[in-house]
C-alpha atoms as a PDB file:
ATOM      1  CA  MET A   1      -9.326  23.372  -3.424  1.00  0.00           C
ATOM      2  CA  ASN A   2      -8.638  19.691  -3.758  1.00  0.00           C
ATOM      3  CA  ASN A   3     -11.095  17.320  -2.084  1.00  0.00           C
ATOM      4  CA  PHE A   4      -8.210  15.537  -0.376  1.00  0.00           C
ATOM      5  CA  GLU A   5      -6.639  18.665   1.131  1.00  0.00           C
ATOM      6  CA  GLY A   6      -5.789  17.913   4.714  1.00  0.00           C
ATOM      7  CA  TRP A   7      -5.788  14.147   4.056  1.00  0.00           C
ATOM      8  CA  ASN A   8      -2.047  14.125   4.674  1.00  0.00           C
ATOM      9  CA  LEU A   9      -2.851  15.036   8.320  1.00  0.00           C
ATOM     10  CA  PHE A  10      -4.353  11.568   8.722  1.00  0.00           C
ATOM     11  CA  PRO A  11      -1.304   9.898  10.288  1.00  0.00           C
ATOM     12  CA  ALA A  12      -1.036  12.572  12.978  1.00  0.00           C
ATOM     13  CA  LEU A  13      -4.742  12.617  13.723  1.00  0.00           C
ATOM     14  CA  PHE A  14      -5.540   8.903  13.861  1.00  0.00           C
ATOM     15  CA  CYS A  15      -2.434   6.798  14.616  1.00  0.00           C
ATOM     16  CA  PHE A  16      -2.087   6.917  18.339  1.00  0.00           C
ATOM     17  CA  GLY A  17      -3.664   3.751  19.757  1.00  0.00           C
ATOM     18  CA  ASP A  18      -2.802   0.168  20.602  1.00  0.00           C
ATOM     19  CA  MET A  19      -4.214  -0.892  17.264  1.00  0.00           C
ATOM     20  CA  ASP A  20      -1.434   0.622  15.221  1.00  0.00           C
ATOM     21  CA  ILE A  21       1.074  -1.435  13.268  1.00  0.00           C
ATOM     22  CA  THR A  22       4.219  -0.448  11.389  1.00  0.00           C
ATOM     23  CA  VAL A  23       4.463  -0.739   7.585  1.00  0.00           C
ATOM     24  CA  THR A  24       7.763  -0.009   5.922  1.00  0.00           C
ATOM     25  CA  ILE A  25       7.511   1.338   2.335  1.00  0.00           C
ATOM     26  CA  ILE A  26      10.672   1.723   0.209  1.00  0.00           C
ATOM     27  CA  ASP A  27      10.009   4.437  -2.356  1.00  0.00           C
ATOM     28  CA  ARG A  28      11.272   4.542  -5.936  1.00  0.00           C
ATOM     29  CA  GLU A  29      14.395   6.387  -4.802  1.00  0.00           C
ATOM     30  CA  GLY A  30      15.242   3.628  -2.317  1.00  0.00           C
ATOM     31  CA  ILE A  31      14.276   5.667   0.792  1.00  0.00           C
ATOM     32  CA  GLU A  32      12.612   3.703   3.563  1.00  0.00           C
ATOM     33  CA  HIS A  33       9.491   5.194   5.168  1.00  0.00           C
ATOM     34  CA  SER A  34       8.294   3.676   8.452  1.00  0.00           C
ATOM     35  CA  LEU A  35       4.530   4.295   8.596  1.00  0.00           C
ATOM     36  CA  LEU A  36       2.148   3.921  11.504  1.00  0.00           C
ATOM     37  CA  ALA A  37      -1.074   2.297  10.305  1.00  0.00           C
ATOM     38  CA  PRO A  38      -4.357   1.908  12.187  1.00  0.00           C
ATOM     39  CA  THR A  39      -5.890  -1.582  12.115  1.00  0.00           C
ATOM     40  CA  ASP A  40      -9.344  -0.366  13.044  1.00  0.00           C
ATOM     41  CA  MET A  41     -10.178   1.745  10.034  1.00  0.00           C
ATOM     42  CA  ASN A  42     -10.486  -0.839   7.251  1.00  0.00           C
ATOM     43  CA  MET A  43      -7.596   0.642   5.214  1.00  0.00           C
ATOM     44  CA  ASN A  44      -5.334  -0.906   2.675  1.00  0.00           C
ATOM     45  CA  VAL A  45      -1.674  -0.215   1.825  1.00  0.00           C
ATOM     46  CA  MET A  46      -2.552   1.949  -1.164  1.00  0.00           C
ATOM     47  CA  GLU A  47      -4.656   4.252   1.045  1.00  0.00           C
ATOM     48  CA  LEU A  48      -1.996   4.292   3.739  1.00  0.00           C
ATOM     49  CA  CYS A  49       0.689   5.373   1.186  1.00  0.00           C
ATOM     50  CA  ARG A  50      -1.534   8.103  -0.126  1.00  0.00           C
ATOM     51  CA  SER A  51      -2.285   9.368   3.414  1.00  0.00           C
ATOM     52  CA  TYR A  52       1.460   9.833   3.888  1.00  0.00           C
ATOM     53  CA  ASP A  53       1.822  11.567   0.474  1.00  0.00           C
ATOM     54  CA  LEU A  54       3.902   8.787  -0.996  1.00  0.00           C
ATOM     55  CA  PRO A  55       3.754   8.620  -4.828  1.00  0.00           C
ATOM     56  CA  VAL A  56       1.050   5.937  -5.262  1.00  0.00           C
ATOM     57  CA  LYS A  57      -1.606   6.828  -7.763  1.00  0.00           C
ATOM     58  CA  GLY A  58      -4.311   4.306  -6.990  1.00  0.00           C
ATOM     59  CA  GLU A  59      -6.180   5.406 -10.090  1.00  0.00           C
ATOM     60  CA  CYS A  60      -9.033   2.852  -9.739  1.00  0.00           C
ATOM     61  CA  GLY A  61      -9.657   3.700  -6.113  1.00  0.00           C
ATOM     62  CA  GLY A  62      -8.710   0.300  -4.773  1.00  0.00           C
ATOM     63  CA  MET A  63     -10.745  -1.961  -7.083  1.00  0.00           C
ATOM     64  CA  ALA A  64      -7.803  -3.974  -8.423  1.00  0.00           C
ATOM     65  CA  MET A  65      -8.358  -2.596 -11.896  1.00  0.00           C
ATOM     66  CA  CYS A  66      -5.237  -0.511 -12.682  1.00  0.00           C
ATOM     67  CA  ALA A  67      -1.997  -1.728 -11.008  1.00  0.00           C
ATOM     68  CA  THR A  68      -0.855   1.812 -10.224  1.00  0.00           C
ATOM     69  CA  CYS A  69      -0.377   0.658  -6.606  1.00  0.00           C
ATOM     70  CA  GLN A  70       1.824  -2.283  -7.450  1.00  0.00           C
ATOM     71  CA  CYS A  71       4.509  -3.065  -4.967  1.00  0.00           C
ATOM     72  CA  TYR A  72       6.979  -5.829  -4.153  1.00  0.00           C
ATOM     73  CA  LEU A  73       6.818  -7.799  -0.908  1.00  0.00           C
ATOM     74  CA  GLU A  74      10.309  -7.641   0.569  1.00  0.00           C
ATOM     75  CA  SER A  75       9.691  -9.241   3.937  1.00  0.00           C
ATOM     76  CA  ASP A  76       8.638 -12.752   4.989  1.00  0.00           C
ATOM     77  CA  THR A  77       5.207 -11.505   5.973  1.00  0.00           C
ATOM     78  CA  GLU A  78       2.421 -14.007   5.309  1.00  0.00           C
ATOM     79  CA  LEU A  79      -0.303 -12.471   3.147  1.00  0.00           C
ATOM     80  CA  PRO A  80      -3.629 -13.921   2.096  1.00  0.00           C
ATOM     81  CA  GLU A  81      -3.700 -15.609  -1.301  1.00  0.00           C
ATOM     82  CA  GLN A  82      -4.146 -13.271  -4.236  1.00  0.00           C
ATOM     83  CA  SER A  83      -7.652 -12.969  -5.548  1.00  0.00           C
ATOM     84  CA  ASP A  84      -8.423 -13.772  -9.189  1.00  0.00           C
ATOM     85  CA  ALA A  85      -8.961 -10.034  -9.761  1.00  0.00           C
ATOM     86  CA  GLU A  86      -5.490  -9.184  -8.443  1.00  0.00           C
ATOM     87  CA  LEU A  87      -3.840 -11.967 -10.454  1.00  0.00           C
ATOM     88  CA  ASP A  88      -5.679 -10.842 -13.600  1.00  0.00           C
ATOM     89  CA  MET A  89      -4.567  -7.299 -13.116  1.00  0.00           C
ATOM     90  CA  LEU A  90      -0.933  -8.295 -12.495  1.00  0.00           C
ATOM     91  CA  ASP A  91      -1.069 -10.382 -15.698  1.00  0.00           C
ATOM     92  CA  GLN A  92      -1.617  -7.139 -17.601  1.00  0.00           C
ATOM     93  CA  ALA A  93       0.781  -4.924 -15.600  1.00  0.00           C
ATOM     94  CA  PHE A  94       4.362  -3.919 -16.272  1.00  0.00           C
ATOM     95  CA  PHE A  95       7.408  -4.630 -14.043  1.00  0.00           C
ATOM     96  CA  VAL A  96       5.684  -7.669 -12.442  1.00  0.00           C
ATOM     97  CA  LYS A  97       7.837  -9.918 -10.343  1.00  0.00           C
ATOM     98  CA  ALA A  98       7.131 -13.095  -8.379  1.00  0.00           C
ATOM     99  CA  ASN A  99       6.619 -11.026  -5.218  1.00  0.00           C
ATOM    100  CA  SER A 100       4.369  -8.430  -6.885  1.00  0.00           C
ATOM    101  CA  ARG A 101       1.154  -7.419  -5.036  1.00  0.00           C
ATOM    102  CA  LEU A 102      -1.330  -4.650  -5.423  1.00  0.00           C
ATOM    103  CA  GLY A 103      -1.244  -2.306  -2.465  1.00  0.00           C
ATOM    104  CA  CYS A 104      -5.016  -1.882  -2.601  1.00  0.00           C
ATOM    105  CA  GLN A 105      -5.425  -5.616  -1.946  1.00  0.00           C
ATOM    106  CA  ILE A 106      -3.220  -5.684   1.162  1.00  0.00           C
ATOM    107  CA  HIS A 107      -5.503  -4.793   4.100  1.00  0.00           C
ATOM    108  CA  ILE A 108      -4.030  -3.195   7.232  1.00  0.00           C
ATOM    109  CA  THR A 109      -4.344  -5.894   9.886  1.00  0.00           C
ATOM    110  CA  GLU A 110      -2.320  -6.905  12.946  1.00  0.00           C
ATOM    111  CA  GLU A 111      -1.034  -9.914  10.963  1.00  0.00           C
ATOM    112  CA  ILE A 112       0.999  -7.704   8.660  1.00  0.00           C
ATOM    113  CA  ASP A 113       2.768  -5.730  11.369  1.00  0.00           C
ATOM    114  CA  GLY A 114       6.354  -5.199  10.279  1.00  0.00           C
ATOM    115  CA  ILE A 115       5.704  -5.761   6.557  1.00  0.00           C
ATOM    116  CA  VAL A 116       8.226  -4.287   4.125  1.00  0.00           C
ATOM    117  CA  LEU A 117       7.085  -3.311   0.654  1.00  0.00           C
ATOM    118  CA  ARG A 118       8.941  -1.642  -2.281  1.00  0.00           C
ATOM    119  CA  LEU A 119       6.979   0.605  -4.690  1.00  0.00           C
ATOM    120  CA  ALA A 120       7.146  -0.691  -8.258  1.00  0.00           C
ATOM    121  CA  PRO A 121       8.365   1.574 -11.012  1.00  0.00           C
ATOM    122  CA  GLU A 122       5.761   3.817 -12.599  1.00  0.00           C
ATOM    123  CA  MET A 123       4.878   3.833 -16.269  1.00  0.00           C
ATOM    124  CA  ASP A 124       5.698   7.177 -17.896  1.00  0.00           C
END
């Protein structure tokens, strides 16, 4: 049994309060997914995507060391400045664009309610 079995139940179990926001993820096939995200659990976008079983690897566990959660900011949502670690990782990543961000570095807060992100292509 996988340690994460049942993790995909997360959205149904925890997203029901006033502290939820909406995050739209456009997957690699162009399908939009409207996700409810709790602001009171110290989550990031990479963890949110994984909880909804979207194809985000997050191989480094959210340490900004792999870029397998790279996404493109498609909305006008204001995000905090990128850290040096995020910029360094994106310097080494593939498919980087001006609007590239690491999902693990985008924290779920009320300020990003309505954000739209597109998953970057995966390396084969």
